Amino acid sequence: MSSTLVTVLFGDPFAVVNTIGLVAFALVGASKAIREEFDLFGITIVGLAMAFAGGVTRDLLVMRVPLALQSPIEIALGLFGVGLAIALSVVLSSPDAHPITVVSDAIGLAAFATTGAIVATEAGLSTFGIVAIATINAVGGGAVADVLLDRSPFILFEDFYASCAVLGGSAYFVAISVGAHGRTAAVLCAIVTVVTRLAAVTYSWNLPTVQGLGLMRR
């Protein structure tokens, strides 16, 4: 078990960013459930769903057994993120809106966009496949968490969120295409995703709606 943990924490780029993503997204999902006054079981379920749903979907799309079902370390990391969310709720009045959670969400988004791009590349997918898997991996957990919280997935109607993962996945593909090392491409993907997400939060970026463009008949 200890050797497996060392591999997860200090191994290849996939293992590192996957570890970061699991903890960050479990923290964000659990914080949302705490805001909605879920009980401890509900908080845990929402936190783990946000941490794992995107990765499970990714693995099924590339026809491999989901990592969440292969390693107890994966579940332990998710539970650690849930525990952090509960701890934050004790010391903060609105942990889901605190900068720690906002930054964790951006980091989780970047980490999972990167893991998705890595897996898609190793599976030999096309350009579209790499960007699509990166995006699904990054936003799938949040969409499932929103459904569990009884609301429409916010990635469909507000905020500049999924677009950040699209940009990160595209940056990864471009880097690989020009001969960059896998680690370099992974770092670039993570940086592009997290920077654009934090900029979107800071400057309130949103994609336009049909109504906003004035295209609907009155």
N, C-alpha and C. Protein backbone atom coordinates (compact mmCIF):
# COMPACT_ATOMS: atom_id res chain seq x y z
N MET A 1 0.82 -1.21 0.00
CA MET A 1 0.00 0.00 0.00
C MET A 1 0.86 1.26 0.00
N SER A 2 1.93 1.28 0.83
CA SER A 2 2.77 2.46 0.91
C SER A 2 3.47 2.73 -0.42
N SER A 3 3.94 1.67 -1.09
CA SER A 3 4.60 1.87 -2.37
C SER A 3 3.63 2.39 -3.42
N THR A 4 2.36 1.94 -3.34
CA THR A 4 1.34 2.44 -4.27
C THR A 4 1.09 3.92 -4.03
N LEU A 5 1.05 4.33 -2.78
CA LEU A 5 0.83 5.74 -2.46
C LEU A 5 1.97 6.60 -2.98
N VAL A 6 3.20 6.11 -2.82
CA VAL A 6 4.34 6.87 -3.32
C VAL A 6 4.25 7.03 -4.84
N THR A 7 3.84 5.97 -5.52
CA THR A 7 3.69 6.03 -6.98
C THR A 7 2.65 7.06 -7.37
N VAL A 8 1.53 7.09 -6.65
CA VAL A 8 0.46 8.03 -6.95
C VAL A 8 0.92 9.46 -6.75
N LEU A 9 1.64 9.70 -5.66
CA LEU A 9 1.99 11.07 -5.30
C LEU A 9 3.20 11.60 -6.07
N PHE A 10 4.12 10.71 -6.44
CA PHE A 10 5.37 11.19 -7.02
C PHE A 10 5.72 10.50 -8.35
N GLY A 11 4.73 9.87 -8.97
CA GLY A 11 4.99 9.13 -10.19
C GLY A 11 4.87 9.97 -11.44
N ASP A 12 4.29 9.39 -12.47
CA ASP A 12 4.19 10.04 -13.77
C ASP A 12 3.22 11.22 -13.71
N PRO A 13 3.21 12.05 -14.76
CA PRO A 13 2.33 13.23 -14.77
C PRO A 13 0.86 12.90 -14.54
N PHE A 14 0.39 11.79 -15.14
CA PHE A 14 -1.01 11.41 -14.95
C PHE A 14 -1.33 11.19 -13.48
N ALA A 15 -0.47 10.44 -12.78
CA ALA A 15 -0.72 10.14 -11.37
C ALA A 15 -0.76 11.41 -10.53
N VAL A 16 0.15 12.32 -10.81
CA VAL A 16 0.23 13.57 -10.03
C VAL A 16 -1.01 14.43 -10.22
N VAL A 17 -1.36 14.71 -11.48
CA VAL A 17 -2.52 15.59 -11.71
C VAL A 17 -3.82 14.91 -11.33
N ASN A 18 -3.88 13.58 -11.46
CA ASN A 18 -5.08 12.87 -11.05
C ASN A 18 -5.29 12.97 -9.55
N THR A 19 -4.20 12.87 -8.79
CA THR A 19 -4.27 13.02 -7.34
C THR A 19 -4.80 14.41 -6.96
N ILE A 20 -4.25 15.42 -7.59
CA ILE A 20 -4.67 16.80 -7.32
C ILE A 20 -6.14 16.99 -7.67
N GLY A 21 -6.55 16.47 -8.82
CA GLY A 21 -7.93 16.63 -9.25
C GLY A 21 -8.92 15.95 -8.33
N LEU A 22 -8.61 14.76 -7.88
CA LEU A 22 -9.51 14.02 -6.99
C LEU A 22 -9.75 14.77 -5.69
N VAL A 23 -8.69 15.23 -5.07
CA VAL A 23 -8.83 15.95 -3.79
C VAL A 23 -9.57 17.27 -3.99
N ALA A 24 -9.19 18.01 -5.03
CA ALA A 24 -9.79 19.32 -5.27
C ALA A 24 -11.28 19.22 -5.57
N PHE A 25 -11.66 18.31 -6.45
CA PHE A 25 -13.07 18.21 -6.84
C PHE A 25 -13.92 17.59 -5.73
N ALA A 26 -13.36 16.67 -4.96
CA ALA A 26 -14.11 16.13 -3.82
C ALA A 26 -14.41 17.24 -2.82
N LEU A 27 -13.43 18.12 -2.61
CA LEU A 27 -13.61 19.26 -1.71
C LEU A 27 -14.72 20.18 -2.22
N VAL A 28 -14.70 20.48 -3.52
CA VAL A 28 -15.69 21.40 -4.10
C VAL A 28 -17.08 20.78 -4.05
N GLY A 29 -17.21 19.52 -4.45
CA GLY A 29 -18.52 18.88 -4.45
C GLY A 29 -19.10 18.77 -3.05
N ALA A 30 -18.27 18.39 -2.10
CA ALA A 30 -18.75 18.28 -0.72
C ALA A 30 -19.15 19.65 -0.16
N SER A 31 -18.42 20.69 -0.54
CA SER A 31 -18.76 22.04 -0.08
C SER A 31 -20.13 22.47 -0.59
N LYS A 32 -20.43 22.11 -1.84
CA LYS A 32 -21.76 22.42 -2.39
C LYS A 32 -22.86 21.69 -1.62
N ALA A 33 -22.60 20.43 -1.28
CA ALA A 33 -23.59 19.65 -0.54
C ALA A 33 -23.78 20.19 0.88
N ILE A 34 -22.70 20.66 1.48
CA ILE A 34 -22.80 21.26 2.82
C ILE A 34 -23.67 22.51 2.76
N ARG A 35 -23.51 23.32 1.73
CA ARG A 35 -24.33 24.52 1.56
C ARG A 35 -25.81 24.17 1.47
N GLU A 36 -26.13 23.04 0.84
CA GLU A 36 -27.52 22.61 0.69
C GLU A 36 -28.02 21.84 1.91
N GLU A 37 -27.20 21.75 2.96
CA GLU A 37 -27.54 21.11 4.22
C GLU A 37 -27.80 19.62 4.08
N PHE A 38 -27.03 18.94 3.23
CA PHE A 38 -27.09 17.49 3.13
C PHE A 38 -26.51 16.89 4.40
N ASP A 39 -26.91 15.63 4.70
CA ASP A 39 -26.29 14.96 5.84
C ASP A 39 -24.91 14.44 5.43
N LEU A 40 -24.20 13.84 6.38
CA LEU A 40 -22.82 13.43 6.12
C LEU A 40 -22.72 12.42 4.98
N PHE A 41 -23.70 11.52 4.90
CA PHE A 41 -23.69 10.55 3.80
C PHE A 41 -23.88 11.26 2.46
N GLY A 42 -24.84 12.18 2.42
CA GLY A 42 -25.09 12.92 1.19
C GLY A 42 -23.90 13.76 0.77
N ILE A 43 -23.25 14.38 1.76
CA ILE A 43 -22.05 15.18 1.48
C ILE A 43 -20.96 14.31 0.85
N THR A 44 -20.79 13.12 1.40
CA THR A 44 -19.78 12.21 0.89
C THR A 44 -20.10 11.76 -0.53
N ILE A 45 -21.36 11.43 -0.78
CA ILE A 45 -21.77 10.97 -2.11
C ILE A 45 -21.56 12.05 -3.16
N VAL A 46 -21.98 13.28 -2.85
CA VAL A 46 -21.82 14.37 -3.82
C VAL A 46 -20.34 14.66 -4.05
N GLY A 47 -19.55 14.66 -2.98
CA GLY A 47 -18.12 14.91 -3.12
C GLY A 47 -17.44 13.86 -3.97
N LEU A 48 -17.75 12.58 -3.72
CA LEU A 48 -17.14 11.51 -4.49
C LEU A 48 -17.64 11.50 -5.94
N ALA A 49 -18.92 11.84 -6.12
CA ALA A 49 -19.46 11.90 -7.48
C ALA A 49 -18.74 12.95 -8.31
N MET A 50 -18.50 14.11 -7.71
CA MET A 50 -17.80 15.16 -8.44
C MET A 50 -16.36 14.76 -8.72
N ALA A 51 -15.77 14.02 -7.80
CA ALA A 51 -14.38 13.61 -7.98
C ALA A 51 -14.22 12.51 -9.03
N PHE A 52 -15.20 11.60 -9.11
CA PHE A 52 -15.00 10.40 -9.92
C PHE A 52 -15.83 10.30 -11.19
N ALA A 53 -16.96 10.99 -11.29
CA ALA A 53 -17.86 10.78 -12.43
C ALA A 53 -17.19 11.09 -13.77
N GLY A 54 -16.43 12.17 -13.83
CA GLY A 54 -15.76 12.52 -15.08
C GLY A 54 -14.74 11.49 -15.48
N GLY A 55 -13.94 11.01 -14.52
CA GLY A 55 -12.92 10.02 -14.81
C GLY A 55 -13.51 8.67 -15.20
N VAL A 56 -14.60 8.28 -14.53
CA VAL A 56 -15.26 7.02 -14.88
C VAL A 56 -15.79 7.08 -16.31
N THR A 57 -16.42 8.21 -16.67
CA THR A 57 -16.92 8.38 -18.03
C THR A 57 -15.77 8.32 -19.04
N ARG A 58 -14.68 8.99 -18.72
CA ARG A 58 -13.48 8.95 -19.57
C ARG A 58 -13.02 7.53 -19.81
N ASP A 59 -12.89 6.76 -18.73
CA ASP A 59 -12.38 5.40 -18.86
C ASP A 59 -13.32 4.51 -19.66
N LEU A 60 -14.62 4.68 -19.46
CA LEU A 60 -15.58 3.87 -20.22
C LEU A 60 -15.51 4.21 -21.71
N LEU A 61 -15.29 5.48 -22.03
CA LEU A 61 -15.22 5.90 -23.43
C LEU A 61 -13.99 5.34 -24.14
N VAL A 62 -12.92 5.12 -23.39
CA VAL A 62 -11.72 4.53 -24.01
C VAL A 62 -11.63 3.03 -23.72
N MET A 63 -12.74 2.49 -23.22
CA MET A 63 -12.89 1.04 -23.02
C MET A 63 -11.85 0.45 -22.08
N ARG A 64 -11.78 1.01 -20.89
CA ARG A 64 -10.93 0.41 -19.87
C ARG A 64 -11.66 0.47 -18.53
N VAL A 65 -11.27 -0.40 -17.61
CA VAL A 65 -11.91 -0.43 -16.29
C VAL A 65 -11.60 0.87 -15.57
N PRO A 66 -12.63 1.56 -15.04
CA PRO A 66 -12.39 2.83 -14.34
C PRO A 66 -11.37 2.68 -13.21
N LEU A 67 -10.48 3.65 -13.14
CA LEU A 67 -9.44 3.60 -12.10
C LEU A 67 -10.04 3.60 -10.70
N ALA A 68 -11.20 4.23 -10.55
CA ALA A 68 -11.85 4.29 -9.24
C ALA A 68 -12.18 2.90 -8.71
N LEU A 69 -12.32 1.92 -9.61
CA LEU A 69 -12.65 0.55 -9.21
C LEU A 69 -11.41 -0.32 -9.06
N GLN A 70 -10.25 0.23 -9.36
CA GLN A 70 -9.03 -0.56 -9.33
C GLN A 70 -8.15 -0.30 -8.11
N SER A 71 -8.21 0.91 -7.56
CA SER A 71 -7.26 1.28 -6.51
C SER A 71 -7.97 1.90 -5.31
N PRO A 72 -7.73 1.36 -4.11
CA PRO A 72 -8.32 1.97 -2.90
C PRO A 72 -7.76 3.37 -2.64
N ILE A 73 -6.56 3.64 -3.19
CA ILE A 73 -5.96 4.96 -3.01
C ILE A 73 -6.84 6.04 -3.62
N GLU A 74 -7.46 5.73 -4.76
CA GLU A 74 -8.34 6.70 -5.43
C GLU A 74 -9.47 7.12 -4.49
N ILE A 75 -10.14 6.14 -3.88
CA ILE A 75 -11.25 6.44 -2.98
C ILE A 75 -10.75 7.18 -1.75
N ALA A 76 -9.59 6.79 -1.24
CA ALA A 76 -9.03 7.46 -0.06
C ALA A 76 -8.76 8.94 -0.35
N LEU A 77 -8.27 9.25 -1.53
CA LEU A 77 -8.01 10.65 -1.90
C LEU A 77 -9.32 11.44 -1.97
N GLY A 78 -10.36 10.81 -2.53
CA GLY A 78 -11.66 11.47 -2.58
C GLY A 78 -12.21 11.74 -1.19
N LEU A 79 -12.10 10.76 -0.31
CA LEU A 79 -12.58 10.93 1.07
C LEU A 79 -11.77 12.00 1.80
N PHE A 80 -10.49 12.10 1.47
CA PHE A 80 -9.66 13.14 2.08
C PHE A 80 -10.18 14.52 1.66
N GLY A 81 -10.55 14.67 0.40
CA GLY A 81 -11.11 15.94 -0.06
C GLY A 81 -12.42 16.26 0.63
N VAL A 82 -13.26 15.25 0.83
CA VAL A 82 -14.53 15.46 1.55
C VAL A 82 -14.24 15.90 2.98
N GLY A 83 -13.26 15.27 3.60
CA GLY A 83 -12.89 15.66 4.97
C GLY A 83 -12.40 17.09 5.04
N LEU A 84 -11.65 17.54 4.04
CA LEU A 84 -11.19 18.92 4.01
C LEU A 84 -12.38 19.88 3.92
N ALA A 85 -13.38 19.52 3.10
CA ALA A 85 -14.56 20.37 2.97
C ALA A 85 -15.29 20.50 4.29
N ILE A 86 -15.43 19.39 5.00
CA ILE A 86 -16.11 19.43 6.30
C ILE A 86 -15.31 20.28 7.29
N ALA A 87 -13.99 20.14 7.26
CA ALA A 87 -13.15 20.94 8.15
C ALA A 87 -13.29 22.43 7.84
N LEU A 88 -13.32 22.78 6.55
CA LEU A 88 -13.48 24.18 6.17
C LEU A 88 -14.83 24.73 6.62
N SER A 89 -15.87 23.89 6.58
CA SER A 89 -17.20 24.35 6.97
C SER A 89 -17.27 24.70 8.45
N VAL A 90 -16.36 24.13 9.21
CA VAL A 90 -16.32 24.40 10.65
C VAL A 90 -15.75 25.79 10.92
N VAL A 91 -14.80 26.21 10.10
CA VAL A 91 -14.11 27.48 10.35
C VAL A 91 -14.55 28.61 9.43
N LEU A 92 -15.30 28.29 8.36
CA LEU A 92 -15.76 29.30 7.42
C LEU A 92 -17.27 29.31 7.35
N SER A 93 -17.86 30.49 7.20
CA SER A 93 -19.32 30.58 7.15
C SER A 93 -19.89 30.13 5.80
N SER A 94 -19.18 30.39 4.71
CA SER A 94 -19.64 30.00 3.37
C SER A 94 -18.47 29.35 2.62
N PRO A 95 -18.13 28.11 2.98
CA PRO A 95 -16.96 27.48 2.37
C PRO A 95 -17.08 27.29 0.86
N ASP A 96 -18.30 27.13 0.33
CA ASP A 96 -18.45 26.89 -1.11
C ASP A 96 -18.10 28.11 -1.94
N ALA A 97 -18.20 29.32 -1.33
CA ALA A 97 -17.90 30.55 -2.05
C ALA A 97 -16.54 31.13 -1.68
N HIS A 98 -15.83 30.49 -0.77
CA HIS A 98 -14.55 31.00 -0.31
C HIS A 98 -13.49 30.86 -1.42
N PRO A 99 -12.53 31.78 -1.48
CA PRO A 99 -11.46 31.68 -2.49
C PRO A 99 -10.75 30.33 -2.50
N ILE A 100 -10.64 29.68 -1.34
CA ILE A 100 -10.00 28.37 -1.31
C ILE A 100 -10.75 27.38 -2.19
N THR A 101 -12.08 27.39 -2.08
CA THR A 101 -12.90 26.49 -2.88
C THR A 101 -12.89 26.88 -4.34
N VAL A 102 -12.95 28.18 -4.62
CA VAL A 102 -12.93 28.65 -6.01
C VAL A 102 -11.64 28.25 -6.70
N VAL A 103 -10.51 28.45 -6.01
CA VAL A 103 -9.22 28.07 -6.57
C VAL A 103 -9.12 26.55 -6.70
N SER A 104 -9.63 25.82 -5.71
CA SER A 104 -9.62 24.36 -5.78
C SER A 104 -10.40 23.87 -6.99
N ASP A 105 -11.52 24.53 -7.27
CA ASP A 105 -12.32 24.15 -8.42
C ASP A 105 -11.53 24.37 -9.72
N ALA A 106 -10.84 25.49 -9.81
CA ALA A 106 -10.03 25.77 -11.00
C ALA A 106 -8.89 24.76 -11.14
N ILE A 107 -8.28 24.42 -10.02
CA ILE A 107 -7.19 23.44 -10.05
C ILE A 107 -7.71 22.06 -10.44
N GLY A 108 -8.86 21.68 -9.88
CA GLY A 108 -9.45 20.40 -10.24
C GLY A 108 -9.82 20.33 -11.71
N LEU A 109 -10.37 21.42 -12.22
CA LEU A 109 -10.72 21.49 -13.64
C LEU A 109 -9.48 21.29 -14.50
N ALA A 110 -8.41 21.99 -14.15
CA ALA A 110 -7.16 21.88 -14.91
C ALA A 110 -6.56 20.48 -14.81
N ALA A 111 -6.59 19.92 -13.61
CA ALA A 111 -6.01 18.59 -13.41
C ALA A 111 -6.74 17.54 -14.23
N PHE A 112 -8.06 17.59 -14.22
CA PHE A 112 -8.82 16.56 -14.93
C PHE A 112 -8.84 16.79 -16.44
N ALA A 113 -8.73 18.04 -16.88
CA ALA A 113 -8.57 18.28 -18.32
C ALA A 113 -7.27 17.65 -18.79
N THR A 114 -6.26 17.76 -17.95
CA THR A 114 -4.95 17.19 -18.28
C THR A 114 -4.97 15.67 -18.29
N THR A 115 -5.57 15.06 -17.27
CA THR A 115 -5.63 13.59 -17.25
C THR A 115 -6.43 13.07 -18.43
N GLY A 116 -7.51 13.76 -18.77
CA GLY A 116 -8.31 13.33 -19.92
C GLY A 116 -7.51 13.39 -21.21
N ALA A 117 -6.75 14.47 -21.38
CA ALA A 117 -5.93 14.61 -22.59
C ALA A 117 -4.86 13.53 -22.66
N ILE A 118 -4.26 13.21 -21.52
CA ILE A 118 -3.22 12.17 -21.49
C ILE A 118 -3.80 10.81 -21.87
N VAL A 119 -4.93 10.47 -21.26
CA VAL A 119 -5.56 9.17 -21.53
C VAL A 119 -5.99 9.07 -22.99
N ALA A 120 -6.59 10.15 -23.52
CA ALA A 120 -7.05 10.14 -24.90
C ALA A 120 -5.88 9.99 -25.88
N THR A 121 -4.76 10.64 -25.57
CA THR A 121 -3.58 10.54 -26.43
C THR A 121 -3.02 9.12 -26.41
N GLU A 122 -2.94 8.53 -25.22
CA GLU A 122 -2.44 7.16 -25.10
C GLU A 122 -3.35 6.17 -25.81
N ALA A 123 -4.65 6.50 -25.88
CA ALA A 123 -5.61 5.62 -26.56
C ALA A 123 -5.59 5.82 -28.07
N GLY A 124 -4.80 6.78 -28.56
CA GLY A 124 -4.68 7.01 -29.98
C GLY A 124 -5.87 7.70 -30.61
N LEU A 125 -6.58 8.53 -29.84
CA LEU A 125 -7.76 9.20 -30.37
C LEU A 125 -7.38 10.37 -31.28
N SER A 126 -8.36 10.84 -32.03
CA SER A 126 -8.15 11.96 -32.95
C SER A 126 -8.05 13.27 -32.17
N THR A 127 -7.82 14.35 -32.90
CA THR A 127 -7.77 15.67 -32.27
C THR A 127 -9.05 15.96 -31.52
N PHE A 128 -10.18 15.72 -32.19
CA PHE A 128 -11.48 15.95 -31.53
C PHE A 128 -11.61 15.06 -30.30
N GLY A 129 -11.17 13.81 -30.42
CA GLY A 129 -11.27 12.89 -29.29
C GLY A 129 -10.48 13.35 -28.09
N ILE A 130 -9.28 13.88 -28.32
CA ILE A 130 -8.45 14.36 -27.22
C ILE A 130 -9.12 15.53 -26.51
N VAL A 131 -9.61 16.49 -27.28
CA VAL A 131 -10.25 17.67 -26.69
C VAL A 131 -11.56 17.27 -26.00
N ALA A 132 -12.32 16.37 -26.63
CA ALA A 132 -13.59 15.95 -26.05
C ALA A 132 -13.40 15.20 -24.74
N ILE A 133 -12.46 14.27 -24.71
CA ILE A 133 -12.21 13.50 -23.49
C ILE A 133 -11.67 14.40 -22.39
N ALA A 134 -10.80 15.34 -22.75
CA ALA A 134 -10.28 16.28 -21.76
C ALA A 134 -11.42 17.07 -21.13
N THR A 135 -12.36 17.51 -21.96
CA THR A 135 -13.48 18.30 -21.47
C THR A 135 -14.44 17.47 -20.63
N ILE A 136 -14.76 16.27 -21.11
CA ILE A 136 -15.66 15.39 -20.36
C ILE A 136 -15.07 15.03 -19.01
N ASN A 137 -13.78 14.71 -19.00
CA ASN A 137 -13.12 14.38 -17.75
C ASN A 137 -13.17 15.55 -16.77
N ALA A 138 -13.02 16.76 -17.31
CA ALA A 138 -12.96 17.95 -16.46
C ALA A 138 -14.30 18.37 -15.91
N VAL A 139 -15.37 18.27 -16.71
CA VAL A 139 -16.66 18.83 -16.28
C VAL A 139 -17.71 17.78 -15.96
N GLY A 140 -17.43 16.52 -16.26
CA GLY A 140 -18.43 15.48 -16.03
C GLY A 140 -18.83 15.34 -14.58
N GLY A 141 -17.85 15.40 -13.68
CA GLY A 141 -18.14 15.27 -12.26
C GLY A 141 -19.01 16.40 -11.74
N GLY A 142 -18.71 17.62 -12.18
CA GLY A 142 -19.51 18.77 -11.75
C GLY A 142 -20.94 18.68 -12.23
N ALA A 143 -21.14 18.16 -13.46
CA ALA A 143 -22.49 18.01 -14.00
C ALA A 143 -23.29 17.00 -13.18
N VAL A 144 -22.67 15.88 -12.84
CA VAL A 144 -23.35 14.86 -12.03
C VAL A 144 -23.65 15.39 -10.63
N ALA A 145 -22.70 16.13 -10.05
CA ALA A 145 -22.92 16.71 -8.73
C ALA A 145 -24.12 17.66 -8.75
N ASP A 146 -24.24 18.47 -9.79
CA ASP A 146 -25.37 19.40 -9.89
C ASP A 146 -26.69 18.65 -9.97
N VAL A 147 -26.71 17.53 -10.71
CA VAL A 147 -27.93 16.73 -10.79
C VAL A 147 -28.30 16.19 -9.41
N LEU A 148 -27.32 15.71 -8.66
CA LEU A 148 -27.57 15.22 -7.30
C LEU A 148 -28.06 16.33 -6.38
N LEU A 149 -27.65 17.57 -6.69
CA LEU A 149 -28.08 18.72 -5.90
C LEU A 149 -29.40 19.28 -6.40
N ASP A 150 -30.03 18.57 -7.36
CA ASP A 150 -31.34 18.93 -7.89
C ASP A 150 -31.34 20.28 -8.59
N ARG A 151 -30.36 20.49 -9.46
CA ARG A 151 -30.33 21.70 -10.27
C ARG A 151 -29.70 21.39 -11.62
N SER A 152 -30.00 22.22 -12.60
CA SER A 152 -29.44 22.02 -13.93
C SER A 152 -27.93 22.23 -13.89
N PRO A 153 -27.17 21.39 -14.59
CA PRO A 153 -25.70 21.56 -14.60
C PRO A 153 -25.34 22.97 -15.07
N PHE A 154 -24.62 23.69 -14.22
CA PHE A 154 -24.35 25.09 -14.52
C PHE A 154 -23.45 25.28 -15.74
N ILE A 155 -22.73 24.22 -16.14
CA ILE A 155 -21.86 24.36 -17.31
C ILE A 155 -22.67 24.58 -18.58
N LEU A 156 -23.98 24.33 -18.53
CA LEU A 156 -24.81 24.45 -19.73
C LEU A 156 -25.41 25.83 -19.91
N PHE A 157 -25.39 26.63 -18.87
CA PHE A 157 -26.12 27.90 -19.03
C PHE A 157 -25.46 29.11 -18.38
N GLU A 158 -24.34 28.95 -17.75
CA GLU A 158 -23.69 30.12 -17.17
C GLU A 158 -22.20 29.89 -17.00
N ASP A 159 -21.49 31.00 -16.95
CA ASP A 159 -20.07 30.97 -16.63
C ASP A 159 -19.21 30.42 -17.77
N PHE A 160 -17.94 30.83 -17.78
CA PHE A 160 -16.94 30.38 -18.74
C PHE A 160 -16.18 29.26 -18.05
N TYR A 161 -16.66 28.03 -18.19
CA TYR A 161 -16.13 26.92 -17.40
C TYR A 161 -15.64 25.78 -18.28
N ALA A 162 -16.57 25.11 -18.96
CA ALA A 162 -16.17 24.01 -19.83
C ALA A 162 -15.24 24.50 -20.94
N SER A 163 -15.42 25.73 -21.36
CA SER A 163 -14.57 26.31 -22.41
C SER A 163 -13.10 26.33 -21.99
N CYS A 164 -12.85 26.47 -20.70
CA CYS A 164 -11.47 26.47 -20.21
C CYS A 164 -10.82 25.10 -20.44
N ALA A 165 -11.61 24.03 -20.22
CA ALA A 165 -11.09 22.69 -20.46
C ALA A 165 -10.86 22.45 -21.95
N VAL A 166 -11.76 23.00 -22.79
CA VAL A 166 -11.58 22.88 -24.24
C VAL A 166 -10.26 23.54 -24.66
N LEU A 167 -10.00 24.71 -24.11
CA LEU A 167 -8.75 25.42 -24.44
C LEU A 167 -7.54 24.65 -23.93
N GLY A 168 -7.65 24.09 -22.72
CA GLY A 168 -6.54 23.31 -22.17
C GLY A 168 -6.26 22.06 -22.99
N GLY A 169 -7.32 21.33 -23.35
CA GLY A 169 -7.15 20.13 -24.17
C GLY A 169 -6.55 20.46 -25.53
N SER A 170 -6.98 21.59 -26.10
CA SER A 170 -6.44 22.02 -27.39
C SER A 170 -4.96 22.36 -27.27
N ALA A 171 -4.59 23.02 -26.17
CA ALA A 171 -3.18 23.36 -25.94
C ALA A 171 -2.34 22.10 -25.81
N TYR A 172 -2.88 21.09 -25.15
CA TYR A 172 -2.16 19.82 -25.01
C TYR A 172 -1.91 19.20 -26.38
N PHE A 173 -2.94 19.16 -27.21
CA PHE A 173 -2.79 18.56 -28.54
C PHE A 173 -1.77 19.32 -29.38
N VAL A 174 -1.83 20.64 -29.35
CA VAL A 174 -0.89 21.44 -30.13
C VAL A 174 0.54 21.17 -29.67
N ALA A 175 0.74 21.10 -28.36
CA ALA A 175 2.08 20.85 -27.83
C ALA A 175 2.61 19.49 -28.28
N ILE A 176 1.76 18.47 -28.20
CA ILE A 176 2.18 17.13 -28.63
C ILE A 176 2.46 17.12 -30.14
N SER A 177 1.65 17.84 -30.89
CA SER A 177 1.79 17.86 -32.35
C SER A 177 3.11 18.47 -32.81
N VAL A 178 3.62 19.43 -32.03
CA VAL A 178 4.88 20.08 -32.42
C VAL A 178 6.09 19.39 -31.79
N GLY A 179 5.85 18.24 -31.17
CA GLY A 179 6.96 17.45 -30.66
C GLY A 179 7.34 17.67 -29.21
N ALA A 180 6.50 18.35 -28.45
CA ALA A 180 6.80 18.60 -27.03
C ALA A 180 6.71 17.29 -26.25
N HIS A 181 7.49 17.21 -25.19
CA HIS A 181 7.46 16.05 -24.29
C HIS A 181 6.10 15.99 -23.61
N GLY A 182 5.68 14.79 -23.23
CA GLY A 182 4.38 14.62 -22.57
C GLY A 182 4.23 15.45 -21.31
N ARG A 183 5.31 15.55 -20.53
CA ARG A 183 5.25 16.35 -19.30
C ARG A 183 5.04 17.82 -19.63
N THR A 184 5.72 18.30 -20.67
CA THR A 184 5.57 19.70 -21.07
C THR A 184 4.15 19.97 -21.52
N ALA A 185 3.59 19.06 -22.32
CA ALA A 185 2.22 19.22 -22.80
C ALA A 185 1.23 19.22 -21.63
N ALA A 186 1.49 18.36 -20.65
CA ALA A 186 0.60 18.28 -19.48
C ALA A 186 0.63 19.58 -18.69
N VAL A 187 1.82 20.10 -18.48
CA VAL A 187 1.96 21.36 -17.74
C VAL A 187 1.27 22.50 -18.49
N LEU A 188 1.43 22.54 -19.81
CA LEU A 188 0.81 23.59 -20.61
C LEU A 188 -0.71 23.49 -20.53
N CYS A 189 -1.24 22.27 -20.64
CA CYS A 189 -2.69 22.07 -20.54
C CYS A 189 -3.22 22.58 -19.21
N ALA A 190 -2.53 22.22 -18.12
CA ALA A 190 -2.97 22.63 -16.79
C ALA A 190 -2.91 24.14 -16.62
N ILE A 191 -1.84 24.75 -17.11
CA ILE A 191 -1.68 26.20 -16.97
C ILE A 191 -2.76 26.95 -17.74
N VAL A 192 -2.97 26.55 -19.00
CA VAL A 192 -3.99 27.22 -19.83
C VAL A 192 -5.36 27.11 -19.17
N THR A 193 -5.69 25.92 -18.68
CA THR A 193 -7.02 25.70 -18.09
C THR A 193 -7.20 26.51 -16.82
N VAL A 194 -6.25 26.44 -15.90
CA VAL A 194 -6.42 27.12 -14.62
C VAL A 194 -6.36 28.64 -14.77
N VAL A 195 -5.50 29.13 -15.66
CA VAL A 195 -5.39 30.58 -15.85
C VAL A 195 -6.66 31.14 -16.47
N THR A 196 -7.18 30.47 -17.49
CA THR A 196 -8.41 30.97 -18.12
C THR A 196 -9.59 30.88 -17.16
N ARG A 197 -9.62 29.85 -16.35
CA ARG A 197 -10.74 29.73 -15.38
C ARG A 197 -10.67 30.83 -14.32
N LEU A 198 -9.50 31.07 -13.77
CA LEU A 198 -9.37 32.11 -12.76
C LEU A 198 -9.64 33.50 -13.37
N ALA A 199 -9.22 33.70 -14.62
CA ALA A 199 -9.51 34.96 -15.30
C ALA A 199 -11.01 35.12 -15.50
N ALA A 200 -11.69 34.00 -15.85
CA ALA A 200 -13.13 34.05 -16.05
C ALA A 200 -13.86 34.43 -14.76
N VAL A 201 -13.38 33.87 -13.65
CA VAL A 201 -13.99 34.21 -12.35
C VAL A 201 -13.72 35.66 -12.00
N THR A 202 -12.50 36.10 -12.21
CA THR A 202 -12.11 37.47 -11.85
C THR A 202 -12.85 38.52 -12.67
N TYR A 203 -12.99 38.26 -13.96
CA TYR A 203 -13.58 39.26 -14.86
C TYR A 203 -15.01 38.93 -15.29
N SER A 204 -15.60 37.92 -14.65
CA SER A 204 -17.00 37.54 -14.92
C SER A 204 -17.26 37.26 -16.40
N TRP A 205 -16.40 36.44 -16.99
CA TRP A 205 -16.59 36.07 -18.39
C TRP A 205 -17.77 35.12 -18.54
N ASN A 206 -18.53 35.28 -19.60
CA ASN A 206 -19.62 34.38 -19.93
C ASN A 206 -19.70 34.25 -21.44
N LEU A 207 -20.10 33.09 -21.92
CA LEU A 207 -20.37 32.95 -23.33
C LEU A 207 -21.71 33.60 -23.65
N PRO A 208 -21.88 34.17 -24.84
CA PRO A 208 -23.13 34.85 -25.17
C PRO A 208 -24.29 33.87 -25.34
N THR A 209 -25.48 34.33 -25.06
CA THR A 209 -26.69 33.58 -25.33
C THR A 209 -27.35 34.12 -26.59
N VAL A 210 -28.30 33.37 -27.12
CA VAL A 210 -29.03 33.83 -28.30
C VAL A 210 -29.75 35.14 -27.98
N GLN A 211 -30.33 35.21 -26.77
CA GLN A 211 -31.02 36.43 -26.37
C GLN A 211 -30.05 37.60 -26.28
N GLY A 212 -28.85 37.32 -25.75
CA GLY A 212 -27.88 38.39 -25.60
C GLY A 212 -27.38 38.91 -26.92
N LEU A 213 -27.37 38.05 -27.94
CA LEU A 213 -26.94 38.47 -29.26
C LEU A 213 -28.04 39.19 -30.04
N GLY A 214 -29.25 39.19 -29.47
CA GLY A 214 -30.36 39.88 -30.13
C GLY A 214 -30.85 39.15 -31.38
N LEU A 215 -30.71 37.80 -31.41
CA LEU A 215 -31.11 37.05 -32.59
C LEU A 215 -32.54 36.55 -32.55
N MET A 216 -33.17 36.64 -31.39
CA MET A 216 -34.55 36.13 -31.28
C MET A 216 -35.55 37.18 -31.77
N ARG A 217 -36.62 36.69 -32.39
CA ARG A 217 -37.68 37.61 -32.83
C ARG A 217 -38.48 38.07 -31.64
N ARG A 218 -38.86 39.33 -31.67
CA ARG A 218 -39.66 39.88 -30.57
C ARG A 218 -41.14 39.78 -30.90
